């Protein structure tokens, strides 16, 4: 008798239901060329931002289209930007059949009414970006962005999540060690607080705001998932590059004297980045 026949299945594995929070990409067009251009414009300056990020493709805005999207091409495009497309939802029967043929699973269509459920418990998942568990990782550096400019927000896509009650306080990632050149920290679904120097060549990224209570000399990317209210604070503002919700600029031409090397903040005003001194 083999060893496997002596081991009960229940002692090897168990199947349990699980509720997972993933990003949803709501497509507004099936034109892959337009989508590729929009993705490059929005995330081209931050390669490595989505490190195998699970993704659900939302087809609800395309369900009335007769032409089927090229799902194999779509999956390949999304993977090039670091996403891990796992499922599709919201499409018509033909679209969903094509999505399944391309290897995507069928996710529940949240636009359709669902049976009454029991009251949510405290651990129920909240929408991105606030519900995601903060994560820290060292990843390859992004190349420095060119001159200051506004990258166009992608009209071809919109990350949409089901509405849910926000937590009472935003998540926060705290880093208390210096970040050297070549290091990168990403606070996923959270604000980021750094209590030591961010050296030239290092990179800090947050879905919320970034607070650096030390010299900021590397790259700082706040509002990485599109939060236009995010800000960047530094006790000594000397960054290589700053970005908020896709609007970014380098500092090769220098900063205004009232903020250069001084306590300052960066915020987004329409399509412009404003540097303002902090007065204590």
C-alpha atoms as a PDB file:
ATOM      1  CA  UNK A   1       0.000   0.000   0.000  1.00  0.00           C
ATOM      2  CA  UNK A   2       1.417   3.389  -0.932  1.00  0.00           C
ATOM      3  CA  UNK A   3       1.998   6.112   1.607  1.00  0.00           C
ATOM      4  CA  UNK A   4      -0.551   8.411  -0.032  1.00  0.00           C
ATOM      5  CA  UNK A   5      -3.323   5.869   0.511  1.00  0.00           C
ATOM      6  CA  UNK A   6      -2.658   5.926   4.262  1.00  0.00           C
ATOM      7  CA  UNK A   7      -3.000   9.717   4.654  1.00  0.00           C
ATOM      8  CA  UNK A   8      -6.565  11.045   4.981  1.00  0.00           C
ATOM      9  CA  UNK A   9      -7.282  13.936   2.597  1.00  0.00           C
ATOM     10  CA  UNK A  10      -8.547  16.086   5.456  1.00  0.00           C
ATOM     11  CA  UNK A  11      -5.083  16.097   7.043  1.00  0.00           C
ATOM     12  CA  UNK A  12      -3.440  17.366   3.824  1.00  0.00           C
ATOM     13  CA  UNK A  13      -5.720  20.226   2.752  1.00  0.00           C
ATOM     14  CA  UNK A  14      -9.009  21.980   3.402  1.00  0.00           C
ATOM     15  CA  UNK A  15     -11.200  24.012   1.068  1.00  0.00           C
ATOM     16  CA  UNK A  16     -12.597  27.165   2.630  1.00  0.00           C
ATOM     17  CA  UNK A  17     -14.434  30.166   1.267  1.00  0.00           C
ATOM     18  CA  UNK A  18     -12.452  33.425   1.182  1.00  0.00           C
ATOM     19  CA  UNK A  19     -13.260  37.067   0.482  1.00  0.00           C
ATOM     20  CA  UNK A  20     -10.395  38.804  -1.330  1.00  0.00           C
ATOM     21  CA  UNK A  21      -9.935  42.468  -2.225  1.00  0.00           C
ATOM     22  CA  UNK A  22      -8.477  43.028  -5.699  1.00  0.00           C
ATOM     23  CA  UNK A  23      -8.209  45.958  -8.053  1.00  0.00           C
ATOM     24  CA  UNK A  24     -10.865  46.255 -10.756  1.00  0.00           C
ATOM     25  CA  UNK A  25     -10.003  47.777 -14.129  1.00  0.00           C
ATOM     26  CA  UNK A  26     -13.193  49.238 -15.603  1.00  0.00           C
ATOM     27  CA  UNK A  27     -12.685  49.412 -19.350  1.00  0.00           C
ATOM     28  CA  UNK A  28     -14.270  52.223 -21.332  1.00  0.00           C
ATOM     29  CA  UNK A  29     -12.946  51.032 -24.684  1.00  0.00           C
ATOM     30  CA  UNK A  30     -11.925  47.747 -26.284  1.00  0.00           C
ATOM     31  CA  UNK A  31      -9.250  49.502 -28.386  1.00  0.00           C
ATOM     32  CA  UNK A  32      -5.999  48.033 -27.084  1.00  0.00           C
ATOM     33  CA  UNK A  33      -3.894  50.739 -28.750  1.00  0.00           C
ATOM     34  CA  UNK A  34      -5.734  53.469 -26.842  1.00  0.00           C
ATOM     35  CA  UNK A  35      -5.526  51.468 -23.627  1.00  0.00           C
ATOM     36  CA  UNK A  36      -1.785  50.861 -24.063  1.00  0.00           C
ATOM     37  CA  UNK A  37      -1.207  54.593 -24.619  1.00  0.00           C
ATOM     38  CA  UNK A  38      -3.267  55.494 -21.552  1.00  0.00           C
ATOM     39  CA  UNK A  39      -1.463  52.977 -19.326  1.00  0.00           C
ATOM     40  CA  UNK A  40       1.922  54.236 -20.479  1.00  0.00           C
ATOM     41  CA  UNK A  41       0.890  57.850 -19.837  1.00  0.00           C
ATOM     42  CA  UNK A  42      -0.412  57.107 -16.350  1.00  0.00           C
ATOM     43  CA  UNK A  43       2.147  54.584 -15.068  1.00  0.00           C
ATOM     44  CA  UNK A  44       5.096  54.821 -17.440  1.00  0.00           C
ATOM     45  CA  UNK A  45       7.098  56.885 -14.945  1.00  0.00           C
ATOM     46  CA  UNK A  46       6.670  54.296 -12.158  1.00  0.00           C
ATOM     47  CA  UNK A  47       7.601  50.857 -13.468  1.00  0.00           C
ATOM     48  CA  UNK A  48       7.302  48.195 -10.792  1.00  0.00           C
ATOM     49  CA  UNK A  49       4.369  49.960  -9.114  1.00  0.00           C
ATOM     50  CA  UNK A  50       2.121  46.945  -9.664  1.00  0.00           C
ATOM     51  CA  UNK A  51       4.148  43.896  -8.708  1.00  0.00           C
ATOM     52  CA  UNK A  52       1.946  40.958  -9.774  1.00  0.00           C
ATOM     53  CA  UNK A  53      -1.113  42.889  -8.525  1.00  0.00           C
ATOM     54  CA  UNK A  54      -4.257  40.688  -8.827  1.00  0.00           C
ATOM     55  CA  UNK A  55      -6.731  42.336 -11.189  1.00  0.00           C
ATOM     56  CA  UNK A  56     -10.348  41.884 -12.264  1.00  0.00           C
ATOM     57  CA  UNK A  57     -11.373  43.241 -15.675  1.00  0.00           C
ATOM     58  CA  UNK A  58     -14.727  45.043 -15.424  1.00  0.00           C
ATOM     59  CA  UNK A  59     -16.642  44.905 -18.732  1.00  0.00           C
ATOM     60  CA  UNK A  60     -19.858  46.527 -17.534  1.00  0.00           C
ATOM     61  CA  UNK A  61     -19.371  49.624 -19.715  1.00  0.00           C
ATOM     62  CA  UNK A  62     -18.716  47.476 -22.814  1.00  0.00           C
ATOM     63  CA  UNK A  63     -21.506  44.922 -22.456  1.00  0.00           C
ATOM     64  CA  UNK A  64     -23.602  46.582 -25.194  1.00  0.00           C
ATOM     65  CA  UNK A  65     -20.802  46.462 -27.754  1.00  0.00           C
ATOM     66  CA  UNK A  66     -21.132  43.869 -30.506  1.00  0.00           C
ATOM     67  CA  UNK A  67     -17.381  43.526 -31.129  1.00  0.00           C
ATOM     68  CA  UNK A  68     -15.543  41.226 -28.747  1.00  0.00           C
ATOM     69  CA  UNK A  69     -12.405  42.578 -27.016  1.00  0.00           C
ATOM     70  CA  UNK A  70      -9.100  40.876 -27.767  1.00  0.00           C
ATOM     71  CA  UNK A  71      -8.753  39.273 -24.349  1.00  0.00           C
ATOM     72  CA  UNK A  72      -5.462  37.507 -25.075  1.00  0.00           C
ATOM     73  CA  UNK A  73      -3.930  40.812 -26.172  1.00  0.00           C
ATOM     74  CA  UNK A  74      -5.490  42.559 -23.175  1.00  0.00           C
ATOM     75  CA  UNK A  75      -4.043  40.045 -20.716  1.00  0.00           C
ATOM     76  CA  UNK A  76      -0.590  40.369 -22.288  1.00  0.00           C
ATOM     77  CA  UNK A  77      -0.780  44.176 -22.135  1.00  0.00           C
ATOM     78  CA  UNK A  78      -1.807  44.210 -18.489  1.00  0.00           C
ATOM     79  CA  UNK A  79       0.948  41.771 -17.543  1.00  0.00           C
ATOM     80  CA  UNK A  80       3.539  44.053 -19.144  1.00  0.00           C
ATOM     81  CA  UNK A  81       2.475  46.721 -16.650  1.00  0.00           C
ATOM     82  CA  UNK A  82       2.823  44.359 -13.684  1.00  0.00           C
ATOM     83  CA  UNK A  83      -0.823  43.354 -13.276  1.00  0.00           C
ATOM     84  CA  UNK A  84      -1.923  39.764 -12.814  1.00  0.00           C
ATOM     85  CA  UNK A  85      -5.318  39.528 -14.600  1.00  0.00           C
ATOM     86  CA  UNK A  86      -7.306  36.797 -12.873  1.00  0.00           C
ATOM     87  CA  UNK A  87     -10.991  37.361 -13.633  1.00  0.00           C
ATOM     88  CA  UNK A  88     -13.577  39.297 -15.606  1.00  0.00           C
ATOM     89  CA  UNK A  89     -17.027  40.520 -14.708  1.00  0.00           C
ATOM     90  CA  UNK A  90     -19.949  42.523 -16.035  1.00  0.00           C
ATOM     91  CA  UNK A  91     -19.779  41.507 -19.699  1.00  0.00           C
ATOM     92  CA  UNK A  92     -22.486  40.059 -21.906  1.00  0.00           C
ATOM     93  CA  UNK A  93     -22.553  36.262 -22.420  1.00  0.00           C
ATOM     94  CA  UNK A  94     -20.361  36.392 -25.534  1.00  0.00           C
ATOM     95  CA  UNK A  95     -17.792  38.620 -23.856  1.00  0.00           C
ATOM     96  CA  UNK A  96     -17.662  36.463 -20.741  1.00  0.00           C
ATOM     97  CA  UNK A  97     -17.255  33.308 -22.838  1.00  0.00           C
ATOM     98  CA  UNK A  98     -14.326  34.924 -24.672  1.00  0.00           C
ATOM     99  CA  UNK A  99     -12.805  36.021 -21.358  1.00  0.00           C
ATOM    100  CA  UNK A 100     -13.039  32.493 -19.985  1.00  0.00           C
ATOM    101  CA  UNK A 101     -11.421  31.144 -23.152  1.00  0.00           C
ATOM    102  CA  UNK A 102      -8.492  33.495 -22.531  1.00  0.00           C
ATOM    103  CA  UNK A 103      -7.966  31.977 -19.078  1.00  0.00           C
ATOM    104  CA  UNK A 104      -9.855  34.496 -16.936  1.00  0.00           C
ATOM    105  CA  UNK A 105     -12.271  33.349 -14.267  1.00  0.00           C
ATOM    106  CA  UNK A 106     -15.775  34.764 -13.946  1.00  0.00           C
ATOM    107  CA  UNK A 107     -16.101  37.115 -10.986  1.00  0.00           C
ATOM    108  CA  UNK A 108     -19.475  38.129  -9.488  1.00  0.00           C
ATOM    109  CA  UNK A 109     -21.081  41.032 -11.308  1.00  0.00           C
ATOM    110  CA  UNK A 110     -21.551  43.627  -8.575  1.00  0.00           C
ATOM    111  CA  UNK A 111     -23.892  45.657 -10.803  1.00  0.00           C
ATOM    112  CA  UNK A 112     -26.515  42.927 -10.529  1.00  0.00           C
ATOM    113  CA  UNK A 113     -28.682  42.597  -7.399  1.00  0.00           C
ATOM    114  CA  UNK A 114     -27.521  39.898  -5.021  1.00  0.00           C
ATOM    115  CA  UNK A 115     -29.353  38.015  -2.261  1.00  0.00           C
ATOM    116  CA  UNK A 116     -29.571  39.657   1.133  1.00  0.00           C
ATOM    117  CA  UNK A 117     -26.413  38.876   3.075  1.00  0.00           C
ATOM    118  CA  UNK A 118     -25.663  38.757   6.755  1.00  0.00           C
ATOM    119  CA  UNK A 119     -24.296  41.958   8.348  1.00  0.00           C
ATOM    120  CA  UNK A 120     -20.659  42.573   7.538  1.00  0.00           C
ATOM    121  CA  UNK A 121     -18.136  41.882  10.257  1.00  0.00           C
ATOM    122  CA  UNK A 122     -15.226  44.119  11.175  1.00  0.00           C
ATOM    123  CA  UNK A 123     -12.855  42.204   8.900  1.00  0.00           C
ATOM    124  CA  UNK A 124     -14.912  42.752   5.744  1.00  0.00           C
ATOM    125  CA  UNK A 125     -12.709  44.095   2.918  1.00  0.00           C
ATOM    126  CA  UNK A 126     -12.916  47.816   2.167  1.00  0.00           C
ATOM    127  CA  UNK A 127     -12.344  49.386  -1.266  1.00  0.00           C
ATOM    128  CA  UNK A 128      -8.954  50.277  -2.673  1.00  0.00           C
ATOM    129  CA  UNK A 129      -6.883  52.134  -1.771  1.00  0.00           C
ATOM    130  CA  UNK A 130      -7.762  52.340   1.926  1.00  0.00           C
ATOM    131  CA  UNK A 131      -8.489  48.648   2.496  1.00  0.00           C
ATOM    132  CA  UNK A 132      -5.330  47.176   1.066  1.00  0.00           C
ATOM    133  CA  UNK A 133      -2.838  45.856   3.573  1.00  0.00           C
ATOM    134  CA  UNK A 134       0.215  48.161   3.654  1.00  0.00           C
ATOM    135  CA  UNK A 135       3.241  46.520   2.163  1.00  0.00           C
ATOM    136  CA  UNK A 136       6.914  47.328   2.047  1.00  0.00           C
ATOM    137  CA  UNK A 137       9.188  46.053  -0.683  1.00  0.00           C
ATOM    138  CA  UNK A 138      12.467  46.766  -2.330  1.00  0.00           C
ATOM    139  CA  UNK A 139      11.981  46.894  -6.088  1.00  0.00           C
ATOM    140  CA  UNK A 140      14.033  48.086  -9.078  1.00  0.00           C
ATOM    141  CA  UNK A 141      14.177  51.845  -9.459  1.00  0.00           C
ATOM    142  CA  UNK A 142      12.136  53.710 -12.020  1.00  0.00           C
ATOM    143  CA  UNK A 143      14.070  55.763 -14.538  1.00  0.00           C
ATOM    144  CA  UNK A 144      14.040  59.526 -13.844  1.00  0.00           C
ATOM    145  CA  UNK A 145      11.137  61.276 -15.546  1.00  0.00           C
ATOM    146  CA  UNK A 146      11.798  64.031 -18.086  1.00  0.00           C
ATOM    147  CA  UNK A 147      10.873  67.705 -17.621  1.00  0.00           C
ATOM    148  CA  UNK A 148       7.870  68.816 -15.573  1.00  0.00           C
ATOM    149  CA  UNK A 149       4.561  68.022 -17.159  1.00  0.00           C
ATOM    150  CA  UNK A 150       1.084  66.691 -16.561  1.00  0.00           C
ATOM    151  CA  UNK A 151       0.523  63.125 -17.719  1.00  0.00           C
ATOM    152  CA  UNK A 152      -3.013  62.748 -19.130  1.00  0.00           C
ATOM    153  CA  UNK A 153      -5.369  60.736 -16.979  1.00  0.00           C
ATOM    154  CA  UNK A 154      -6.388  57.627 -18.858  1.00  0.00           C
ATOM    155  CA  UNK A 155      -9.902  58.016 -20.238  1.00  0.00           C
ATOM    156  CA  UNK A 156      -9.715  54.436 -21.380  1.00  0.00           C
ATOM    157  CA  UNK A 157      -9.663  53.027 -17.864  1.00  0.00           C
ATOM    158  CA  UNK A 158     -10.862  53.632 -14.366  1.00  0.00           C
ATOM    159  CA  UNK A 159     -10.081  51.551 -11.315  1.00  0.00           C
ATOM    160  CA  UNK A 160     -13.434  50.994  -9.654  1.00  0.00           C
ATOM    161  CA  UNK A 161     -14.241  49.141  -6.450  1.00  0.00           C
ATOM    162  CA  UNK A 162     -17.564  48.457  -4.736  1.00  0.00           C
ATOM    163  CA  UNK A 163     -18.545  51.156  -2.266  1.00  0.00           C
ATOM    164  CA  UNK A 164     -17.936  50.256   1.344  1.00  0.00           C
ATOM    165  CA  UNK A 165     -17.637  51.964   4.675  1.00  0.00           C
ATOM    166  CA  UNK A 166     -14.192  53.505   5.107  1.00  0.00           C
ATOM    167  CA  UNK A 167     -12.123  52.626   8.168  1.00  0.00           C
ATOM    168  CA  UNK A 168     -12.034  55.094  11.035  1.00  0.00           C
ATOM    169  CA  UNK A 169      -8.374  55.939  10.462  1.00  0.00           C
ATOM    170  CA  UNK A 170      -6.132  55.658   7.380  1.00  0.00           C
ATOM    171  CA  UNK A 171      -3.513  52.931   7.311  1.00  0.00           C
ATOM    172  CA  UNK A 172       0.087  54.069   7.745  1.00  0.00           C
ATOM    173  CA  UNK A 173       3.464  52.534   6.979  1.00  0.00           C
ATOM    174  CA  UNK A 174       6.377  53.810   9.102  1.00  0.00           C
ATOM    175  CA  UNK A 175      10.015  53.484   8.017  1.00  0.00           C
ATOM    176  CA  UNK A 176      12.610  54.413  10.639  1.00  0.00           C
ATOM    177  CA  UNK A 177      15.786  53.522   8.760  1.00  0.00           C
ATOM    178  CA  UNK A 178      17.598  55.478   6.027  1.00  0.00           C
ATOM    179  CA  UNK A 179      16.783  54.522   2.446  1.00  0.00           C
ATOM    180  CA  UNK A 180      19.882  54.167   0.305  1.00  0.00           C
ATOM    181  CA  UNK A 181      20.238  54.598  -3.434  1.00  0.00           C
ATOM    182  CA  UNK A 182      18.534  51.728  -5.250  1.00  0.00           C
ATOM    183  CA  UNK A 183      15.996  51.041  -2.505  1.00  0.00           C
ATOM    184  CA  UNK A 184      12.253  51.504  -2.977  1.00  0.00           C
ATOM    185  CA  UNK A 185       9.392  51.413  -0.481  1.00  0.00           C
ATOM    186  CA  UNK A 186       5.721  51.258  -1.499  1.00  0.00           C
ATOM    187  CA  UNK A 187       2.951  51.893   1.056  1.00  0.00           C
ATOM    188  CA  UNK A 188       0.072  50.103  -0.632  1.00  0.00           C
ATOM    189  CA  UNK A 189      -3.299  51.562   0.346  1.00  0.00           C
ATOM    190  CA  UNK A 190      -1.667  53.718   3.014  1.00  0.00           C
ATOM    191  CA  UNK A 191       0.187  56.882   3.943  1.00  0.00           C
ATOM    192  CA  UNK A 192       3.958  56.594   4.296  1.00  0.00           C
ATOM    193  CA  UNK A 193       6.011  58.120   7.109  1.00  0.00           C
ATOM    194  CA  UNK A 194       9.812  58.060   6.836  1.00  0.00           C
ATOM    195  CA  UNK A 195      11.820  59.052   9.911  1.00  0.00           C
ATOM    196  CA  UNK A 196      15.229  59.014   8.217  1.00  0.00           C
ATOM    197  CA  UNK A 197      16.875  60.346   5.099  1.00  0.00           C
ATOM    198  CA  UNK A 198      15.643  59.289   1.646  1.00  0.00           C
ATOM    199  CA  UNK A 199      18.934  59.310  -0.242  1.00  0.00           C
ATOM    200  CA  UNK A 200      19.526  60.333  -3.841  1.00  0.00           C
ATOM    201  CA  UNK A 201      18.522  57.351  -6.001  1.00  0.00           C
ATOM    202  CA  UNK A 202      16.017  55.955  -3.494  1.00  0.00           C
ATOM    203  CA  UNK A 203      12.284  55.970  -4.143  1.00  0.00           C
ATOM    204  CA  UNK A 204       9.250  56.230  -1.837  1.00  0.00           C
ATOM    205  CA  UNK A 205       5.737  55.505  -3.137  1.00  0.00           C
ATOM    206  CA  UNK A 206       2.389  55.676  -1.356  1.00  0.00           C
ATOM    207  CA  UNK A 207      -1.247  55.426  -2.349  1.00  0.00           C
ATOM    208  CA  UNK A 208      -1.834  58.188   0.203  1.00  0.00           C
ATOM    209  CA  UNK A 209       0.431  61.013   1.399  1.00  0.00           C
ATOM    210  CA  UNK A 210       4.175  60.877   2.078  1.00  0.00           C
ATOM    211  CA  UNK A 211       5.782  62.416   5.177  1.00  0.00           C
ATOM    212  CA  UNK A 212       9.579  62.539   5.368  1.00  0.00           C
ATOM    213  CA  UNK A 213      10.854  63.902   8.687  1.00  0.00           C
ATOM    214  CA  UNK A 214      14.370  64.144   7.298  1.00  0.00           C
ATOM    215  CA  UNK A 215      15.996  65.189   4.012  1.00  0.00           C
ATOM    216  CA  UNK A 216      14.088  64.009   0.942  1.00  0.00           C
ATOM    217  CA  UNK A 217      16.685  63.642  -1.804  1.00  0.00           C
ATOM    218  CA  UNK A 218      15.296  60.777  -3.897  1.00  0.00           C
ATOM    219  CA  UNK A 219      11.988  60.299  -5.702  1.00  0.00           C
ATOM    220  CA  UNK A 220       8.624  60.701  -3.956  1.00  0.00           C
ATOM    221  CA  UNK A 221       5.408  59.455  -5.590  1.00  0.00           C
ATOM    222  CA  UNK A 222       2.195  60.100  -3.630  1.00  0.00           C
ATOM    223  CA  UNK A 223      -1.375  59.285  -4.638  1.00  0.00           C
ATOM    224  CA  UNK A 224      -0.019  56.436  -6.741  1.00  0.00           C
ATOM    225  CA  UNK A 225      -3.506  55.038  -7.413  1.00  0.00           C
ATOM    226  CA  UNK A 226      -4.957  58.452  -8.351  1.00  0.00           C
ATOM    227  CA  UNK A 227      -5.645  60.216  -5.021  1.00  0.00           C
ATOM    228  CA  UNK A 228      -5.486  63.899  -5.979  1.00  0.00           C
ATOM    229  CA  UNK A 229      -5.737  64.963  -2.318  1.00  0.00           C
ATOM    230  CA  UNK A 230      -2.459  63.286  -1.398  1.00  0.00           C
ATOM    231  CA  UNK A 231       0.502  65.466  -0.447  1.00  0.00           C
ATOM    232  CA  UNK A 232       4.256  65.201   0.026  1.00  0.00           C
ATOM    233  CA  UNK A 233       5.852  66.679   3.149  1.00  0.00           C
ATOM    234  CA  UNK A 234       9.563  66.900   3.891  1.00  0.00           C
ATOM    235  CA  UNK A 235      11.655  68.443   6.644  1.00  0.00           C
ATOM    236  CA  UNK A 236      14.281  69.199   4.005  1.00  0.00           C
ATOM    237  CA  UNK A 237      12.891  69.379   0.462  1.00  0.00           C
ATOM    238  CA  UNK A 238      15.599  68.315  -2.018  1.00  0.00           C
ATOM    239  CA  UNK A 239      13.907  65.674  -4.237  1.00  0.00           C
ATOM    240  CA  UNK A 240      14.964  64.336  -7.602  1.00  0.00           C
ATOM    241  CA  UNK A 241      11.336  63.904  -8.620  1.00  0.00           C
ATOM    242  CA  UNK A 242       7.924  64.409  -7.056  1.00  0.00           C
ATOM    243  CA  UNK A 243       4.604  63.048  -8.319  1.00  0.00           C
ATOM    244  CA  UNK A 244       1.011  63.260  -7.101  1.00  0.00           C
ATOM    245  CA  UNK A 245      -1.760  61.260  -8.809  1.00  0.00           C
ATOM    246  CA  UNK A 246       0.167  61.067 -12.087  1.00  0.00           C
ATOM    247  CA  UNK A 247       1.294  64.712 -12.207  1.00  0.00           C
ATOM    248  CA  UNK A 248       5.053  64.875 -11.820  1.00  0.00           C
ATOM    249  CA  UNK A 249       8.101  67.043 -12.266  1.00  0.00           C
ATOM    250  CA  UNK A 250      11.808  66.737 -11.833  1.00  0.00           C
ATOM    251  CA  UNK A 251      13.904  69.290  -9.985  1.00  0.00           C
ATOM    252  CA  UNK A 252      16.859  69.465 -12.322  1.00  0.00           C
ATOM    253  CA  UNK A 253      16.153  73.173 -12.837  1.00  0.00           C
ATOM    254  CA  UNK A 254      16.107  73.720  -9.087  1.00  0.00           C
ATOM    255  CA  UNK A 255      13.409  74.623  -6.593  1.00  0.00           C
ATOM    256  CA  UNK A 256      12.238  78.054  -5.454  1.00  0.00           C
ATOM    257  CA  UNK A 257      14.584  79.414  -2.757  1.00  0.00           C
ATOM    258  CA  UNK A 258      11.795  79.532  -0.179  1.00  0.00           C
ATOM    259  CA  UNK A 259      11.425  75.730  -0.274  1.00  0.00           C
ATOM    260  CA  UNK A 260      14.777  74.369  -1.489  1.00  0.00           C
ATOM    261  CA  UNK A 261      16.431  72.514   1.387  1.00  0.00           C
ATOM    262  CA  UNK A 262      13.751  73.721   3.801  1.00  0.00           C
ATOM    263  CA  UNK A 263      10.603  72.283   5.403  1.00  0.00           C
ATOM    264  CA  UNK A 264       8.012  72.258   2.633  1.00  0.00           C
ATOM    265  CA  UNK A 265       5.052  70.461   1.129  1.00  0.00           C
ATOM    266  CA  UNK A 266       3.948  69.576  -2.390  1.00  0.00           C
ATOM    267  CA  UNK A 267       0.263  69.510  -3.287  1.00  0.00           C
ATOM    268  CA  UNK A 268      -1.794  69.266  -6.442  1.00  0.00           C
ATOM    269  CA  UNK A 269      -3.798  72.286  -7.599  1.00  0.00           C
ATOM    270  CA  UNK A 270      -5.726  71.305 -10.712  1.00  0.00           C
ATOM    271  CA  UNK A 271      -3.026  70.125 -13.099  1.00  0.00           C
ATOM    272  CA  UNK A 272      -0.141  71.901 -11.358  1.00  0.00           C
ATOM    273  CA  UNK A 273       2.185  70.870  -8.552  1.00  0.00           C
ATOM    274  CA  UNK A 274       2.626  73.582  -5.935  1.00  0.00           C
ATOM    275  CA  UNK A 275       5.653  73.750  -3.650  1.00  0.00           C
ATOM    276  CA  UNK A 276       4.890  75.601  -0.427  1.00  0.00           C
ATOM    277  CA  UNK A 277       7.062  76.283   2.650  1.00  0.00           C
ATOM    278  CA  UNK A 278       6.001  74.885   6.009  1.00  0.00           C
ATOM    279  CA  UNK A 279       6.048  77.415   8.812  1.00  0.00           C
ATOM    280  CA  UNK A 280       6.230  76.011  12.326  1.00  0.00           C
END
